[in-house]
Structures are given as C-alpha cells and as structure tokens.
Amino acid sequence: MCLVYTTKPDARSSRDVLAMLRDLYSKRPETRTLEPYALRGTLWFLRYTDKLLHEDEIAAAVEVARSDFDPDEGAA
C-alpha cells in the first residue's frame, strides 16, 4: 500500500513533513541517512508530495524522525 500525501494550502507544515518522513523511514530504512537536499527529491519522486518542499522544513522534521527510530541519535 502506498500512501500519497497531496499538498493542500497548508500542507507544507512541519507536522505533515514529519508524517511523510516517518512513513518513508519505516518503509525504506536506507533513506534514513539521506540529507535534507536529497530527501527533498526523494519525497517528490516517491509521490509523497506533488511539490518540492523547503529544505529547512525537511531538516527540522529529519531531527525528530531520526530520533524516533534511533533515540541515541536525538540525545547527541
């Protein structure tokens, strides 16, 4: 099952980006090491969103999402 997060007027909020990253990281663990600039295209290419998101939003969500999967990472 593939979830597609379509963009809405407020879909670029950090909460939506975080949900996208959590889903991506759980389905494709190899993407956990990607930098925000690479995740930007990955999220678009895998159809999580129909627009490229801002790197700043992705970077903020990455910090939270990575700590979800590796609590020691968030403590550093």
PDB file of N, CA and C in Angstrom:
ATOM      1  N   MET A   1       0.843  -1.174   0.000  1.00  0.00           N
ATOM      2  CA  MET A   1       0.000   0.000   0.000  1.00  0.00           C
ATOM      3  C   MET A   1       0.892   1.242   0.000  1.00  0.00           C
ATOM      4  N   CYS A   2       0.619   2.139  -0.867  1.00  0.00           N
ATOM      5  CA  CYS A   2       1.405   3.365  -0.970  1.00  0.00           C
ATOM      6  C   CYS A   2       0.539   4.544  -0.540  1.00  0.00           C
ATOM      7  N   LEU A   3       1.027   5.285   0.438  1.00  0.00           N
ATOM      8  CA  LEU A   3       0.313   6.480   0.871  1.00  0.00           C
ATOM      9  C   LEU A   3       0.824   7.669   0.089  1.00  0.00           C
ATOM     10  N   VAL A   4      -0.080   8.462  -0.410  1.00  0.00           N
ATOM     11  CA  VAL A   4       0.294   9.680  -1.121  1.00  0.00           C
ATOM     12  C   VAL A   4      -0.234  10.857  -0.324  1.00  0.00           C
ATOM     13  N   TYR A   5       0.662  11.740   0.071  1.00  0.00           N
ATOM     14  CA  TYR A   5       0.287  12.928   0.795  1.00  0.00           C
ATOM     15  C   TYR A   5       0.176  14.062  -0.212  1.00  0.00           C
ATOM     16  N   THR A   6      -1.029  14.428  -0.550  1.00  0.00           N
ATOM     17  CA  THR A   6      -1.211  15.509  -1.511  1.00  0.00           C
ATOM     18  C   THR A   6      -1.039  16.844  -0.825  1.00  0.00           C
ATOM     19  N   THR A   7      -0.601  17.813  -1.583  1.00  0.00           N
ATOM     20  CA  THR A   7      -0.415  19.129  -0.981  1.00  0.00           C
ATOM     21  C   THR A   7      -1.733  19.877  -0.947  1.00  0.00           C
ATOM     22  N   LYS A   8      -1.923  20.611   0.121  1.00  0.00           N
ATOM     23  CA  LYS A   8      -3.075  21.476   0.320  1.00  0.00           C
ATOM     24  C   LYS A   8      -2.497  22.853   0.602  1.00  0.00           C
ATOM     25  N   PRO A   9      -3.293  23.871   0.746  1.00  0.00           N
ATOM     26  CA  PRO A   9      -2.724  25.184   1.033  1.00  0.00           C
ATOM     27  C   PRO A   9      -1.787  25.209   2.235  1.00  0.00           C
ATOM     28  N   ASP A  10      -2.062  24.390   3.262  1.00  0.00           N
ATOM     29  CA  ASP A  10      -1.207  24.388   4.450  1.00  0.00           C
ATOM     30  C   ASP A  10      -0.436  23.071   4.603  1.00  0.00           C
ATOM     31  N   ALA A  11      -0.297  22.328   3.542  1.00  0.00           N
ATOM     32  CA  ALA A  11       0.326  21.006   3.629  1.00  0.00           C
ATOM     33  C   ALA A  11       1.823  21.061   3.828  1.00  0.00           C
ATOM     34  N   ARG A  12       2.413  22.236   3.784  1.00  0.00           N
ATOM     35  CA  ARG A  12       3.851  22.325   3.950  1.00  0.00           C
ATOM     36  C   ARG A  12       4.245  22.527   5.409  1.00  0.00           C
ATOM     37  N   SER A  13       3.332  22.285   6.299  1.00  0.00           N
ATOM     38  CA  SER A  13       3.638  22.440   7.719  1.00  0.00           C
ATOM     39  C   SER A  13       4.573  21.326   8.168  1.00  0.00           C
ATOM     40  N   SER A  14       5.306  21.566   9.220  1.00  0.00           N
ATOM     41  CA  SER A  14       6.272  20.597   9.729  1.00  0.00           C
ATOM     42  C   SER A  14       5.604  19.286  10.116  1.00  0.00           C
ATOM     43  N   ARG A  15       4.389  19.367  10.613  1.00  0.00           N
ATOM     44  CA  ARG A  15       3.693  18.157  11.031  1.00  0.00           C
ATOM     45  C   ARG A  15       3.493  17.213   9.854  1.00  0.00           C
ATOM     46  N   ASP A  16       3.110  17.740   8.700  1.00  0.00           N
ATOM     47  CA  ASP A  16       2.904  16.898   7.527  1.00  0.00           C
ATOM     48  C   ASP A  16       4.222  16.334   7.008  1.00  0.00           C
ATOM     49  N   VAL A  17       5.273  17.128   7.029  1.00  0.00           N
ATOM     50  CA  VAL A  17       6.581  16.658   6.579  1.00  0.00           C
ATOM     51  C   VAL A  17       7.066  15.551   7.511  1.00  0.00           C
ATOM     52  N   LEU A  18       6.844  15.710   8.788  1.00  0.00           N
ATOM     53  CA  LEU A  18       7.235  14.696   9.755  1.00  0.00           C
ATOM     54  C   LEU A  18       6.508  13.383   9.494  1.00  0.00           C
ATOM     55  N   ALA A  19       5.223  13.445   9.212  1.00  0.00           N
ATOM     56  CA  ALA A  19       4.463  12.231   8.904  1.00  0.00           C
ATOM     57  C   ALA A  19       4.996  11.555   7.642  1.00  0.00           C
ATOM     58  N   MET A  20       5.343  12.351   6.650  1.00  0.00           N
ATOM     59  CA  MET A  20       5.910  11.798   5.424  1.00  0.00           C
ATOM     60  C   MET A  20       7.227  11.091   5.702  1.00  0.00           C
ATOM     61  N   LEU A  21       8.102  11.739   6.479  1.00  0.00           N
ATOM     62  CA  LEU A  21       9.407  11.150   6.774  1.00  0.00           C
ATOM     63  C   LEU A  21       9.283   9.888   7.617  1.00  0.00           C
ATOM     64  N   ARG A  22       8.408   9.898   8.587  1.00  0.00           N
ATOM     65  CA  ARG A  22       8.214   8.694   9.403  1.00  0.00           C
ATOM     66  C   ARG A  22       7.767   7.530   8.534  1.00  0.00           C
ATOM     67  N   ASP A  23       6.853   7.788   7.628  1.00  0.00           N
ATOM     68  CA  ASP A  23       6.383   6.742   6.732  1.00  0.00           C
ATOM     69  C   ASP A  23       7.512   6.271   5.809  1.00  0.00           C
ATOM     70  N   LEU A  24       8.245   7.219   5.253  1.00  0.00           N
ATOM     71  CA  LEU A  24       9.354   6.885   4.364  1.00  0.00           C
ATOM     72  C   LEU A  24      10.415   6.074   5.101  1.00  0.00           C
ATOM     73  N   TYR A  25      10.807   6.506   6.280  1.00  0.00           N
ATOM     74  CA  TYR A  25      11.839   5.811   7.052  1.00  0.00           C
ATOM     75  C   TYR A  25      11.400   4.404   7.453  1.00  0.00           C
ATOM     76  N   SER A  26      10.120   4.222   7.749  1.00  0.00           N
ATOM     77  CA  SER A  26       9.657   2.889   8.143  1.00  0.00           C
ATOM     78  C   SER A  26       9.605   1.944   6.951  1.00  0.00           C
ATOM     79  N   LYS A  27       9.292   2.462   5.775  1.00  0.00           N
ATOM     80  CA  LYS A  27       9.199   1.614   4.578  1.00  0.00           C
ATOM     81  C   LYS A  27      10.535   1.435   3.866  1.00  0.00           C
ATOM     82  N   ARG A  28      11.394   2.440   3.952  1.00  0.00           N
ATOM     83  CA  ARG A  28      12.688   2.407   3.258  1.00  0.00           C
ATOM     84  C   ARG A  28      13.787   2.874   4.220  1.00  0.00           C
ATOM     85  N   PRO A  29      14.239   1.972   5.088  1.00  0.00           N
ATOM     86  CA  PRO A  29      15.231   2.350   6.101  1.00  0.00           C
ATOM     87  C   PRO A  29      16.520   2.926   5.519  1.00  0.00           C
ATOM     88  N   GLU A  30      16.851   2.581   4.307  1.00  0.00           N
ATOM     89  CA  GLU A  30      18.078   3.098   3.690  1.00  0.00           C
ATOM     90  C   GLU A  30      18.037   4.603   3.482  1.00  0.00           C
ATOM     91  N   THR A  31      16.859   5.204   3.520  1.00  0.00           N
ATOM     92  CA  THR A  31      16.735   6.645   3.316  1.00  0.00           C
ATOM     93  C   THR A  31      17.027   7.447   4.591  1.00  0.00           C
ATOM     94  N   ARG A  32      17.194   6.762   5.712  1.00  0.00           N
ATOM     95  CA  ARG A  32      17.432   7.461   6.987  1.00  0.00           C
ATOM     96  C   ARG A  32      18.742   8.233   6.999  1.00  0.00           C
ATOM     97  N   THR A  33      19.663   7.904   6.128  1.00  0.00           N
ATOM     98  CA  THR A  33      20.965   8.582   6.107  1.00  0.00           C
ATOM     99  C   THR A  33      21.015   9.720   5.094  1.00  0.00           C
ATOM    100  N   LEU A  34      19.947   9.923   4.344  1.00  0.00           N
ATOM    101  CA  LEU A  34      19.941  10.983   3.330  1.00  0.00           C
ATOM    102  C   LEU A  34      19.868  12.362   3.970  1.00  0.00           C
ATOM    103  N   GLU A  35      20.524  13.290   3.348  1.00  0.00           N
ATOM    104  CA  GLU A  35      20.494  14.686   3.788  1.00  0.00           C
ATOM    105  C   GLU A  35      19.201  15.349   3.289  1.00  0.00           C
ATOM    106  N   PRO A  36      18.794  16.465   3.901  1.00  0.00           N
ATOM    107  CA  PRO A  36      17.550  17.132   3.500  1.00  0.00           C
ATOM    108  C   PRO A  36      17.467  17.466   2.004  1.00  0.00           C
ATOM    109  N   TYR A  37      18.574  17.875   1.381  1.00  0.00           N
ATOM    110  CA  TYR A  37      18.516  18.192  -0.042  1.00  0.00           C
ATOM    111  C   TYR A  37      18.213  16.960  -0.880  1.00  0.00           C
ATOM    112  N   ALA A  38      18.654  15.785  -0.447  1.00  0.00           N
ATOM    113  CA  ALA A  38      18.355  14.550  -1.170  1.00  0.00           C
ATOM    114  C   ALA A  38      16.943  14.054  -0.855  1.00  0.00           C
ATOM    115  N   LEU A  39      16.522  14.237   0.380  1.00  0.00           N
ATOM    116  CA  LEU A  39      15.166  13.834   0.762  1.00  0.00           C
ATOM    117  C   LEU A  39      14.117  14.652   0.031  1.00  0.00           C
ATOM    118  N   ARG A  40      14.456  15.872  -0.275  1.00  0.00           N
ATOM    119  CA  ARG A  40      13.540  16.766  -0.997  1.00  0.00           C
ATOM    120  C   ARG A  40      13.078  16.114  -2.297  1.00  0.00           C
ATOM    121  N   GLY A  41      14.016  15.647  -3.089  1.00  0.00           N
ATOM    122  CA  GLY A  41      13.687  14.983  -4.349  1.00  0.00           C
ATOM    123  C   GLY A  41      13.097  13.604  -4.144  1.00  0.00           C
ATOM    124  N   THR A  42      13.566  12.908  -3.110  1.00  0.00           N
ATOM    125  CA  THR A  42      13.059  11.563  -2.837  1.00  0.00           C
ATOM    126  C   THR A  42      11.580  11.598  -2.483  1.00  0.00           C
ATOM    127  N   LEU A  43      11.196  12.532  -1.618  1.00  0.00           N
ATOM    128  CA  LEU A  43       9.779  12.650  -1.247  1.00  0.00           C
ATOM    129  C   LEU A  43       8.920  12.968  -2.465  1.00  0.00           C
ATOM    130  N   TRP A  44       9.431  13.813  -3.335  1.00  0.00           N
ATOM    131  CA  TRP A  44       8.683  14.159  -4.539  1.00  0.00           C
ATOM    132  C   TRP A  44       8.645  12.974  -5.511  1.00  0.00           C
ATOM    133  N   PHE A  45       9.783  12.339  -5.722  1.00  0.00           N
ATOM    134  CA  PHE A  45       9.875  11.229  -6.676  1.00  0.00           C
ATOM    135  C   PHE A  45       8.988  10.061  -6.271  1.00  0.00           C
ATOM    136  N   LEU A  46       8.922   9.790  -4.973  1.00  0.00           N
ATOM    137  CA  LEU A  46       8.095   8.685  -4.481  1.00  0.00           C
ATOM    138  C   LEU A  46       6.638   9.091  -4.271  1.00  0.00           C
ATOM    139  N   ARG A  47       6.299  10.292  -4.703  1.00  0.00           N
ATOM    140  CA  ARG A  47       4.933  10.794  -4.711  1.00  0.00           C
ATOM    141  C   ARG A  47       4.327  10.985  -3.319  1.00  0.00           C
ATOM    142  N   TYR A  48       5.159  11.334  -2.353  1.00  0.00           N
ATOM    143  CA  TYR A  48       4.639  11.731  -1.051  1.00  0.00           C
ATOM    144  C   TYR A  48       4.046  13.125  -1.140  1.00  0.00           C
ATOM    145  N   THR A  49       4.527  13.901  -2.083  1.00  0.00           N
ATOM    146  CA  THR A  49       4.032  15.255  -2.291  1.00  0.00           C
ATOM    147  C   THR A  49       4.115  15.577  -3.778  1.00  0.00           C
ATOM    148  N   ASP A  50       3.324  16.519  -4.224  1.00  0.00           N
ATOM    149  CA  ASP A  50       3.378  16.867  -5.642  1.00  0.00           C
ATOM    150  C   ASP A  50       4.195  18.137  -5.895  1.00  0.00           C
ATOM    151  N   LYS A  51       4.808  18.681  -4.830  1.00  0.00           N
ATOM    152  CA  LYS A  51       5.689  19.842  -4.963  1.00  0.00           C
ATOM    153  C   LYS A  51       6.950  19.590  -4.147  1.00  0.00           C
ATOM    154  N   LEU A  52       8.039  20.217  -4.558  1.00  0.00           N
ATOM    155  CA  LEU A  52       9.260  20.116  -3.773  1.00  0.00           C
ATOM    156  C   LEU A  52       9.108  20.950  -2.509  1.00  0.00           C
ATOM    157  N   LEU A  53       9.441  20.364  -1.380  1.00  0.00           N
ATOM    158  CA  LEU A  53       9.328  21.042  -0.096  1.00  0.00           C
ATOM    159  C   LEU A  53      10.611  21.803   0.207  1.00  0.00           C
ATOM    160  N   HIS A  54      10.545  22.736   1.129  1.00  0.00           N
ATOM    161  CA  HIS A  54      11.712  23.512   1.529  1.00  0.00           C
ATOM    162  C   HIS A  54      12.658  22.657   2.366  1.00  0.00           C
ATOM    163  N   GLU A  55      13.945  22.799   2.113  1.00  0.00           N
ATOM    164  CA  GLU A  55      14.943  22.029   2.847  1.00  0.00           C
ATOM    165  C   GLU A  55      14.894  22.295   4.341  1.00  0.00           C
ATOM    166  N   ASP A  56      14.589  23.521   4.736  1.00  0.00           N
ATOM    167  CA  ASP A  56      14.531  23.863   6.159  1.00  0.00           C
ATOM    168  C   ASP A  56      13.453  23.062   6.881  1.00  0.00           C
ATOM    169  N   GLU A  57      12.302  22.915   6.257  1.00  0.00           N
ATOM    170  CA  GLU A  57      11.216  22.141   6.848  1.00  0.00           C
ATOM    171  C   GLU A  57      11.610  20.676   6.966  1.00  0.00           C
ATOM    172  N   ILE A  58      12.259  20.175   5.926  1.00  0.00           N
ATOM    173  CA  ILE A  58      12.681  18.778   5.926  1.00  0.00           C
ATOM    174  C   ILE A  58      13.746  18.567   6.998  1.00  0.00           C
ATOM    175  N   ALA A  59      14.694  19.483   7.109  1.00  0.00           N
ATOM    176  CA  ALA A  59      15.770  19.352   8.095  1.00  0.00           C
ATOM    177  C   ALA A  59      15.212  19.296   9.515  1.00  0.00           C
ATOM    178  N   ALA A  60      14.234  20.133   9.815  1.00  0.00           N
ATOM    179  CA  ALA A  60      13.627  20.129  11.145  1.00  0.00           C
ATOM    180  C   ALA A  60      12.912  18.806  11.422  1.00  0.00           C
ATOM    181  N   ALA A  61      12.200  18.311  10.437  1.00  0.00           N
ATOM    182  CA  ALA A  61      11.472  17.051  10.595  1.00  0.00           C
ATOM    183  C   ALA A  61      12.431  15.858  10.672  1.00  0.00           C
ATOM    184  N   VAL A  62      13.555  15.939   9.975  1.00  0.00           N
ATOM    185  CA  VAL A  62      14.546  14.861   9.992  1.00  0.00           C
ATOM    186  C   VAL A  62      15.061  14.637  11.413  1.00  0.00           C
ATOM    187  N   GLU A  63      15.334  15.703  12.135  1.00  0.00           N
ATOM    188  CA  GLU A  63      15.849  15.583  13.503  1.00  0.00           C
ATOM    189  C   GLU A  63      14.878  14.798  14.385  1.00  0.00           C
ATOM    190  N   VAL A  64      13.605  15.095  14.262  1.00  0.00           N
ATOM    191  CA  VAL A  64      12.600  14.402  15.074  1.00  0.00           C
ATOM    192  C   VAL A  64      12.422  12.965  14.588  1.00  0.00           C
ATOM    193  N   ALA A  65      12.315  12.774  13.292  1.00  0.00           N
ATOM    194  CA  ALA A  65      12.070  11.442  12.748  1.00  0.00           C
ATOM    195  C   ALA A  65      13.241  10.499  13.027  1.00  0.00           C
ATOM    196  N   ARG A  66      14.454  10.986  12.911  1.00  0.00           N
ATOM    197  CA  ARG A  66      15.613  10.126  13.193  1.00  0.00           C
ATOM    198  C   ARG A  66      15.650   9.732  14.662  1.00  0.00           C
ATOM    199  N   SER A  67      15.265  10.633  15.552  1.00  0.00           N
ATOM    200  CA  SER A  67      15.260  10.291  16.972  1.00  0.00           C
ATOM    201  C   SER A  67      14.158   9.284  17.300  1.00  0.00           C
ATOM    202  N   ASP A  68      13.107   9.228  16.482  1.00  0.00           N
ATOM    203  CA  ASP A  68      12.058   8.221  16.654  1.00  0.00           C
ATOM    204  C   ASP A  68      12.616   6.817  16.420  1.00  0.00           C
ATOM    205  N   PHE A  69      13.462   6.694  15.410  1.00  0.00           N
ATOM    206  CA  PHE A  69      13.992   5.394  15.033  1.00  0.00           C
ATOM    207  C   PHE A  69      15.282   5.058  15.760  1.00  0.00           C
ATOM    208  N   ASP A  70      16.022   6.058  16.221  1.00  0.00           N
ATOM    209  CA  ASP A  70      17.263   5.852  16.948  1.00  0.00           C
ATOM    210  C   ASP A  70      17.342   6.883  18.079  1.00  0.00           C
ATOM    211  N   PRO A  71      16.807   6.546  19.253  1.00  0.00           N
ATOM    212  CA  PRO A  71      16.760   7.515  20.359  1.00  0.00           C
ATOM    213  C   PRO A  71      18.129   8.080  20.744  1.00  0.00           C
ATOM    214  N   ASP A  72      19.194   7.306  20.578  1.00  0.00           N
ATOM    215  CA  ASP A  72      20.536   7.797  20.899  1.00  0.00           C
ATOM    216  C   ASP A  72      20.938   8.923  19.974  1.00  0.00           C
ATOM    217  N   GLU A  73      20.442   8.918  18.742  1.00  0.00           N
ATOM    218  CA  GLU A  73      20.747   9.971  17.779  1.00  0.00           C
ATOM    219  C   GLU A  73      20.201  11.312  18.252  1.00  0.00           C
ATOM    220  N   GLY A  74      19.007  11.310  18.813  1.00  0.00           N
ATOM    221  CA  GLY A  74      18.394  12.549  19.281  1.00  0.00           C
ATOM    222  C   GLY A  74      19.072  13.104  20.527  1.00  0.00           C
ATOM    223  N   ALA A  75      19.720  12.246  21.304  1.00  0.00           N
ATOM    224  CA  ALA A  75      20.375  12.672  22.538  1.00  0.00           C
ATOM    225  C   ALA A  75      21.703  13.359  22.274  1.00  0.00           C
ATOM    226  N   ALA A  76      22.266  13.146  21.090  1.00  0.00           N
ATOM    227  CA  ALA A  76      23.596  13.703  20.774  1.00  0.00           C
ATOM    228  C   ALA A  76      23.555  15.174  20.502  1.00  0.00           C
TER     229      ALA A  76
END
